[in-house]
Amino acid sequence: MRNTLLIAACLALTFAGAQANATECQSRSALLTHHYGRPVSCHCGAELANVEVTLPKGLVLARACNLRFSDGRSPDIRQERISLDRYDSAGNAIYGEFLLKGELHLTGYVRYEPSDGGDLWFRPSVPVLQRQTAFEPNFRFFALRQQSAYSKFRLAKHLRAKGDCFQAKAEVVFRGFELLVNESDEAGISPRTIKVINVSGFSACKRGE
């Protein structure tokens, strides 16, 4: 009897989780449809089985939205298998908006360098993803877009006011990631949660290096 109840409870939790994923996907799809002024599909859970991708250890693909090849074609991942790791035979990559769940414990440099894509960045000191794939460059820099990031890294306002380039060594834990892959200034990966373990003092740096 006890085993039966445990199995029933596990099944109920699994069903509830699947429902939550479906609701999250539908909500995101509706938001992006409104933003772009056209229907935008999002895929979660079992629908991602046809998406091949190599991710850093500790991360999983939780959602994929607005999938399309760089030549404009839109794949139907319910019917065909796609790879984010490779370009297709014509050299086209897959664009889209992705949610990655999990965490990364990293050391590297936090860098204040204002640009069209953002102001504050984190560059790991060693490659986050060892395997060289079409998807790997997305993990070379992390955009730190939360307003609280400035205080977490103790970046003084007088340095920000100069609008120049400053960087500091840092150790961080990032959790949950929003990733936009396309050719816009907003493209890139950004952690949802930032925990700063250690950060040194900021010093001047050269832009673009």
C-alpha atoms as a PDB file:
ATOM      1  CA  MET A   1       0.000   0.000   0.000  1.00  0.00           C
ATOM      2  CA  ARG A   2       2.796   2.374   0.952  1.00  0.00           C
ATOM      3  CA  ASN A   3       4.627   1.705  -2.351  1.00  0.00           C
ATOM      4  CA  THR A   4       1.427   2.361  -4.272  1.00  0.00           C
ATOM      5  CA  LEU A   5       0.997   5.707  -2.527  1.00  0.00           C
ATOM      6  CA  LEU A   6       4.625   6.667  -3.221  1.00  0.00           C
ATOM      7  CA  ILE A   7       4.255   5.821  -6.912  1.00  0.00           C
ATOM      8  CA  ALA A   8       1.033   7.809  -7.098  1.00  0.00           C
ATOM      9  CA  ALA A   9       2.718  10.798  -5.429  1.00  0.00           C
ATOM     10  CA  CYS A  10       5.661  10.651  -7.838  1.00  0.00           C
ATOM     11  CA  LEU A  11       3.325  10.478 -10.813  1.00  0.00           C
ATOM     12  CA  ALA A  12       1.375  13.454  -9.497  1.00  0.00           C
ATOM     13  CA  LEU A  13       4.563  15.516  -9.099  1.00  0.00           C
ATOM     14  CA  THR A  14       5.718  14.553 -12.599  1.00  0.00           C
ATOM     15  CA  PHE A  15       2.362  15.555 -14.056  1.00  0.00           C
ATOM     16  CA  ALA A  16       2.396  18.834 -12.151  1.00  0.00           C
ATOM     17  CA  GLY A  17       5.906  19.570 -13.414  1.00  0.00           C
ATOM     18  CA  ALA A  18       4.874  18.853 -16.995  1.00  0.00           C
ATOM     19  CA  GLN A  19       1.870  21.152 -16.613  1.00  0.00           C
ATOM     20  CA  ALA A  20       4.088  23.925 -15.204  1.00  0.00           C
ATOM     21  CA  ASN A  21       6.493  23.566 -18.148  1.00  0.00           C
ATOM     22  CA  ALA A  22       3.620  23.709 -20.624  1.00  0.00           C
ATOM     23  CA  THR A  23       2.191  26.804 -18.950  1.00  0.00           C
ATOM     24  CA  GLU A  24       5.611  28.498 -18.928  1.00  0.00           C
ATOM     25  CA  CYS A  25       6.064  27.709 -22.621  1.00  0.00           C
ATOM     26  CA  GLN A  26       2.625  29.053 -23.516  1.00  0.00           C
ATOM     27  CA  SER A  27       3.203  32.247 -21.532  1.00  0.00           C
ATOM     28  CA  ARG A  28       6.557  32.884 -23.179  1.00  0.00           C
ATOM     29  CA  SER A  29       5.128  32.137 -26.624  1.00  0.00           C
ATOM     30  CA  ALA A  30       2.313  34.648 -26.056  1.00  0.00           C
ATOM     31  CA  LEU A  31       4.782  37.301 -24.853  1.00  0.00           C
ATOM     32  CA  LEU A  32       7.084  36.862 -27.854  1.00  0.00           C
ATOM     33  CA  THR A  33       4.133  36.772 -30.263  1.00  0.00           C
ATOM     34  CA  HIS A  34       3.040  40.152 -28.904  1.00  0.00           C
ATOM     35  CA  HIS A  35       6.616  41.495 -29.034  1.00  0.00           C
ATOM     36  CA  TYR A  36       7.299  40.476 -32.640  1.00  0.00           C
ATOM     37  CA  GLY A  37       3.764  40.940 -33.973  1.00  0.00           C
ATOM     38  CA  ARG A  38       3.700  37.429 -35.448  1.00  0.00           C
ATOM     39  CA  PRO A  39       3.176  33.900 -34.102  1.00  0.00           C
ATOM     40  CA  VAL A  40       6.195  32.621 -32.168  1.00  0.00           C
ATOM     41  CA  SER A  41       6.449  29.025 -30.962  1.00  0.00           C
ATOM     42  CA  CYS A  42       8.192  27.862 -27.798  1.00  0.00           C
ATOM     43  CA  HIS A  43       9.166  24.278 -26.976  1.00  0.00           C
ATOM     44  CA  CYS A  44       9.763  22.716 -23.565  1.00  0.00           C
ATOM     45  CA  GLY A  45      10.137  19.295 -21.999  1.00  0.00           C
ATOM     46  CA  ALA A  46       9.723  16.314 -24.318  1.00  0.00           C
ATOM     47  CA  GLU A  47       9.449  18.612 -27.351  1.00  0.00           C
ATOM     48  CA  LEU A  48      13.182  19.315 -27.001  1.00  0.00           C
ATOM     49  CA  ALA A  49      14.109  15.683 -27.655  1.00  0.00           C
ATOM     50  CA  ASN A  50      14.893  16.509 -31.290  1.00  0.00           C
ATOM     51  CA  VAL A  51      17.298  19.326 -30.381  1.00  0.00           C
ATOM     52  CA  GLU A  52      20.948  18.273 -30.254  1.00  0.00           C
ATOM     53  CA  VAL A  53      23.222  20.559 -28.255  1.00  0.00           C
ATOM     54  CA  THR A  54      26.401  20.242 -26.193  1.00  0.00           C
ATOM     55  CA  LEU A  55      26.211  22.341 -23.026  1.00  0.00           C
ATOM     56  CA  PRO A  56      28.644  23.007 -20.169  1.00  0.00           C
ATOM     57  CA  LYS A  57      28.471  20.443 -17.385  1.00  0.00           C
ATOM     58  CA  GLY A  58      25.646  21.298 -15.003  1.00  0.00           C
ATOM     59  CA  LEU A  59      23.381  22.981 -17.561  1.00  0.00           C
ATOM     60  CA  VAL A  60      20.310  21.623 -19.353  1.00  0.00           C
ATOM     61  CA  LEU A  61      18.174  23.072 -22.133  1.00  0.00           C
ATOM     62  CA  ALA A  62      14.779  23.911 -20.624  1.00  0.00           C
ATOM     63  CA  ARG A  63      13.139  26.014 -23.340  1.00  0.00           C
ATOM     64  CA  ALA A  64      13.678  26.982 -26.978  1.00  0.00           C
ATOM     65  CA  CYS A  65      11.664  29.692 -28.740  1.00  0.00           C
ATOM     66  CA  ASN A  66      11.524  31.330 -32.166  1.00  0.00           C
ATOM     67  CA  LEU A  67      13.796  28.719 -33.757  1.00  0.00           C
ATOM     68  CA  ARG A  68      14.950  29.485 -37.283  1.00  0.00           C
ATOM     69  CA  PHE A  69      17.954  29.005 -39.510  1.00  0.00           C
ATOM     70  CA  SER A  70      20.068  32.050 -40.321  1.00  0.00           C
ATOM     71  CA  ASP A  71      18.675  31.935 -43.876  1.00  0.00           C
ATOM     72  CA  GLY A  72      15.144  32.442 -42.519  1.00  0.00           C
ATOM     73  CA  ARG A  73      13.806  28.874 -42.611  1.00  0.00           C
ATOM     74  CA  SER A  74      11.858  27.716 -39.569  1.00  0.00           C
ATOM     75  CA  PRO A  75      12.347  24.068 -38.518  1.00  0.00           C
ATOM     76  CA  ASP A  76       9.545  22.006 -37.001  1.00  0.00           C
ATOM     77  CA  ILE A  77      11.325  20.117 -34.221  1.00  0.00           C
ATOM     78  CA  ARG A  78       8.279  17.946 -33.675  1.00  0.00           C
ATOM     79  CA  GLN A  79       9.002  16.410 -37.081  1.00  0.00           C
ATOM     80  CA  GLU A  80      12.729  16.914 -37.656  1.00  0.00           C
ATOM     81  CA  ARG A  81      15.934  16.728 -35.641  1.00  0.00           C
ATOM     82  CA  ILE A  82      18.124  19.830 -35.505  1.00  0.00           C
ATOM     83  CA  SER A  83      21.606  20.455 -34.132  1.00  0.00           C
ATOM     84  CA  LEU A  84      22.732  23.618 -32.391  1.00  0.00           C
ATOM     85  CA  ASP A  85      26.279  22.228 -32.424  1.00  0.00           C
ATOM     86  CA  ARG A  86      26.741  22.296 -36.181  1.00  0.00           C
ATOM     87  CA  TYR A  87      26.016  24.469 -39.182  1.00  0.00           C
ATOM     88  CA  ASP A  88      23.845  22.917 -41.873  1.00  0.00           C
ATOM     89  CA  SER A  89      25.222  21.904 -45.280  1.00  0.00           C
ATOM     90  CA  ALA A  90      24.785  25.479 -46.544  1.00  0.00           C
ATOM     91  CA  GLY A  91      26.601  26.986 -43.546  1.00  0.00           C
ATOM     92  CA  ASN A  92      23.474  28.206 -41.736  1.00  0.00           C
ATOM     93  CA  ALA A  93      23.285  28.301 -37.945  1.00  0.00           C
ATOM     94  CA  ILE A  94      20.201  28.019 -35.747  1.00  0.00           C
ATOM     95  CA  TYR A  95      18.907  31.253 -34.221  1.00  0.00           C
ATOM     96  CA  GLY A  96      16.502  31.431 -31.304  1.00  0.00           C
ATOM     97  CA  GLU A  97      15.846  32.297 -27.691  1.00  0.00           C
ATOM     98  CA  PHE A  98      16.844  29.694 -25.109  1.00  0.00           C
ATOM     99  CA  LEU A  99      16.434  29.082 -21.396  1.00  0.00           C
ATOM    100  CA  LEU A 100      19.176  27.041 -19.728  1.00  0.00           C
ATOM    101  CA  LYS A 101      18.735  25.718 -16.205  1.00  0.00           C
ATOM    102  CA  GLY A 102      21.528  24.846 -13.803  1.00  0.00           C
ATOM    103  CA  GLU A 103      24.532  26.683 -12.396  1.00  0.00           C
ATOM    104  CA  LEU A 104      28.132  27.492 -13.248  1.00  0.00           C
ATOM    105  CA  HIS A 105      30.921  28.206 -10.761  1.00  0.00           C
ATOM    106  CA  LEU A 106      33.430  30.373 -12.630  1.00  0.00           C
ATOM    107  CA  THR A 107      36.561  32.439 -12.160  1.00  0.00           C
ATOM    108  CA  GLY A 108      37.575  35.148 -14.554  1.00  0.00           C
ATOM    109  CA  TYR A 109      37.183  38.895 -15.092  1.00  0.00           C
ATOM    110  CA  VAL A 110      34.221  41.174 -14.594  1.00  0.00           C
ATOM    111  CA  ARG A 111      34.531  44.006 -17.057  1.00  0.00           C
ATOM    112  CA  TYR A 112      32.834  47.386 -17.328  1.00  0.00           C
ATOM    113  CA  GLU A 113      32.911  48.338 -20.997  1.00  0.00           C
ATOM    114  CA  PRO A 114      29.789  50.206 -22.216  1.00  0.00           C
ATOM    115  CA  SER A 115      28.529  49.187 -25.659  1.00  0.00           C
ATOM    116  CA  ASP A 116      25.274  48.810 -27.569  1.00  0.00           C
ATOM    117  CA  GLY A 117      24.957  45.278 -26.161  1.00  0.00           C
ATOM    118  CA  GLY A 118      25.399  46.249 -22.499  1.00  0.00           C
ATOM    119  CA  ASP A 119      27.825  47.713 -19.966  1.00  0.00           C
ATOM    120  CA  LEU A 120      28.905  44.957 -17.598  1.00  0.00           C
ATOM    121  CA  TRP A 121      30.386  41.613 -18.705  1.00  0.00           C
ATOM    122  CA  PHE A 122      32.025  38.526 -17.276  1.00  0.00           C
ATOM    123  CA  ARG A 123      34.752  36.679 -19.165  1.00  0.00           C
ATOM    124  CA  PRO A 124      35.760  33.241 -17.793  1.00  0.00           C
ATOM    125  CA  SER A 125      39.488  32.679 -17.434  1.00  0.00           C
ATOM    126  CA  VAL A 126      39.210  29.186 -18.966  1.00  0.00           C
ATOM    127  CA  PRO A 127      36.742  27.941 -21.606  1.00  0.00           C
ATOM    128  CA  VAL A 128      33.371  27.033 -20.108  1.00  0.00           C
ATOM    129  CA  LEU A 129      32.700  24.565 -22.906  1.00  0.00           C
ATOM    130  CA  GLN A 130      35.738  22.567 -23.983  1.00  0.00           C
ATOM    131  CA  ARG A 131      34.241  21.093 -27.138  1.00  0.00           C
ATOM    132  CA  GLN A 132      34.463  23.413 -30.152  1.00  0.00           C
ATOM    133  CA  THR A 133      30.968  23.664 -31.655  1.00  0.00           C
ATOM    134  CA  ALA A 134      28.839  26.266 -33.404  1.00  0.00           C
ATOM    135  CA  PHE A 135      27.185  26.884 -30.009  1.00  0.00           C
ATOM    136  CA  GLU A 136      30.388  27.227 -27.954  1.00  0.00           C
ATOM    137  CA  PRO A 137      31.040  30.972 -28.629  1.00  0.00           C
ATOM    138  CA  ASN A 138      27.872  31.826 -26.675  1.00  0.00           C
ATOM    139  CA  PHE A 139      29.733  30.981 -23.446  1.00  0.00           C
ATOM    140  CA  ARG A 140      32.811  33.155 -23.931  1.00  0.00           C
ATOM    141  CA  PHE A 141      31.223  36.273 -22.403  1.00  0.00           C
ATOM    142  CA  PHE A 142      28.280  36.667 -20.020  1.00  0.00           C
ATOM    143  CA  ALA A 143      26.221  39.857 -20.075  1.00  0.00           C
ATOM    144  CA  LEU A 144      25.418  41.043 -16.540  1.00  0.00           C
ATOM    145  CA  ARG A 145      22.194  42.958 -17.135  1.00  0.00           C
ATOM    146  CA  GLN A 146      20.683  43.136 -13.637  1.00  0.00           C
ATOM    147  CA  GLN A 147      20.936  46.582 -12.080  1.00  0.00           C
ATOM    148  CA  SER A 148      22.033  44.906  -8.816  1.00  0.00           C
ATOM    149  CA  ALA A 149      25.172  43.546 -10.516  1.00  0.00           C
ATOM    150  CA  TYR A 150      26.979  46.875 -10.105  1.00  0.00           C
ATOM    151  CA  SER A 151      26.683  46.780  -6.326  1.00  0.00           C
ATOM    152  CA  LYS A 152      27.371  43.025  -6.125  1.00  0.00           C
ATOM    153  CA  PHE A 153      30.716  43.545  -7.867  1.00  0.00           C
ATOM    154  CA  ARG A 154      31.365  46.780  -5.923  1.00  0.00           C
ATOM    155  CA  LEU A 155      31.786  48.841  -9.082  1.00  0.00           C
ATOM    156  CA  ALA A 156      32.001  52.453  -7.894  1.00  0.00           C
ATOM    157  CA  LYS A 157      29.712  55.053  -9.459  1.00  0.00           C
ATOM    158  CA  HIS A 158      32.612  57.404 -10.195  1.00  0.00           C
ATOM    159  CA  LEU A 159      34.183  54.715 -12.434  1.00  0.00           C
ATOM    160  CA  ARG A 160      30.899  54.156 -14.255  1.00  0.00           C
ATOM    161  CA  ALA A 161      30.549  57.901 -14.755  1.00  0.00           C
ATOM    162  CA  LYS A 162      33.790  57.953 -16.740  1.00  0.00           C
ATOM    163  CA  GLY A 163      32.276  55.592 -19.339  1.00  0.00           C
ATOM    164  CA  ASP A 164      35.687  54.019 -19.892  1.00  0.00           C
ATOM    165  CA  CYS A 165      36.964  50.437 -19.475  1.00  0.00           C
ATOM    166  CA  PHE A 166      37.622  48.857 -16.058  1.00  0.00           C
ATOM    167  CA  GLN A 167      37.977  45.240 -15.004  1.00  0.00           C
ATOM    168  CA  ALA A 168      38.542  43.116 -11.898  1.00  0.00           C
ATOM    169  CA  LYS A 169      39.279  39.482 -11.130  1.00  0.00           C
ATOM    170  CA  ALA A 170      36.226  37.685  -9.784  1.00  0.00           C
ATOM    171  CA  GLU A 171      34.847  34.337  -8.679  1.00  0.00           C
ATOM    172  CA  VAL A 172      31.121  33.861  -9.222  1.00  0.00           C
ATOM    173  CA  VAL A 173      28.245  31.406  -9.255  1.00  0.00           C
ATOM    174  CA  PHE A 174      25.670  31.972 -12.005  1.00  0.00           C
ATOM    175  CA  ARG A 175      22.274  30.240 -11.956  1.00  0.00           C
ATOM    176  CA  GLY A 176      19.722  30.046 -14.764  1.00  0.00           C
ATOM    177  CA  PHE A 177      20.546  31.585 -18.137  1.00  0.00           C
ATOM    178  CA  GLU A 178      18.691  33.471 -20.845  1.00  0.00           C
ATOM    179  CA  LEU A 179      20.403  33.091 -24.213  1.00  0.00           C
ATOM    180  CA  LEU A 180      19.532  34.982 -27.381  1.00  0.00           C
ATOM    181  CA  VAL A 181      21.230  33.753 -30.569  1.00  0.00           C
ATOM    182  CA  ASN A 182      20.941  36.086 -33.559  1.00  0.00           C
ATOM    183  CA  GLU A 183      22.845  38.991 -35.110  1.00  0.00           C
ATOM    184  CA  SER A 184      21.391  41.793 -32.961  1.00  0.00           C
ATOM    185  CA  ASP A 185      23.160  43.878 -30.311  1.00  0.00           C
ATOM    186  CA  GLU A 186      21.040  42.123 -27.674  1.00  0.00           C
ATOM    187  CA  ALA A 187      22.394  38.674 -28.602  1.00  0.00           C
ATOM    188  CA  GLY A 188      24.296  36.794 -25.914  1.00  0.00           C
ATOM    189  CA  ILE A 189      23.903  34.928 -22.652  1.00  0.00           C
ATOM    190  CA  SER A 190      22.862  36.435 -19.342  1.00  0.00           C
ATOM    191  CA  PRO A 191      22.555  34.745 -15.923  1.00  0.00           C
ATOM    192  CA  ARG A 192      19.295  35.139 -14.035  1.00  0.00           C
ATOM    193  CA  THR A 193      20.971  34.932 -10.624  1.00  0.00           C
ATOM    194  CA  ILE A 194      24.446  36.184  -9.693  1.00  0.00           C
ATOM    195  CA  LYS A 195      26.372  35.257  -6.559  1.00  0.00           C
ATOM    196  CA  VAL A 196      29.747  36.917  -6.138  1.00  0.00           C
ATOM    197  CA  ILE A 197      32.197  34.792  -4.138  1.00  0.00           C
ATOM    198  CA  ASN A 198      35.159  37.135  -4.455  1.00  0.00           C
ATOM    199  CA  VAL A 199      36.115  40.234  -6.440  1.00  0.00           C
ATOM    200  CA  SER A 200      39.330  42.282  -6.522  1.00  0.00           C
ATOM    201  CA  GLY A 201      39.654  46.015  -7.036  1.00  0.00           C
ATOM    202  CA  PHE A 202      38.925  47.445 -10.486  1.00  0.00           C
ATOM    203  CA  SER A 203      41.736  48.698 -12.688  1.00  0.00           C
ATOM    204  CA  ALA A 204      41.807  50.380 -16.084  1.00  0.00           C
ATOM    205  CA  CYS A 205      41.720  48.239 -19.230  1.00  0.00           C
ATOM    206  CA  LYS A 206      41.779  48.751 -22.990  1.00  0.00           C
ATOM    207  CA  ARG A 207      38.577  48.476 -24.948  1.00  0.00           C
ATOM    208  CA  GLY A 208      38.276  45.489 -27.246  1.00  0.00           C
ATOM    209  CA  GLU A 209      41.002  43.433 -25.554  1.00  0.00           C
END
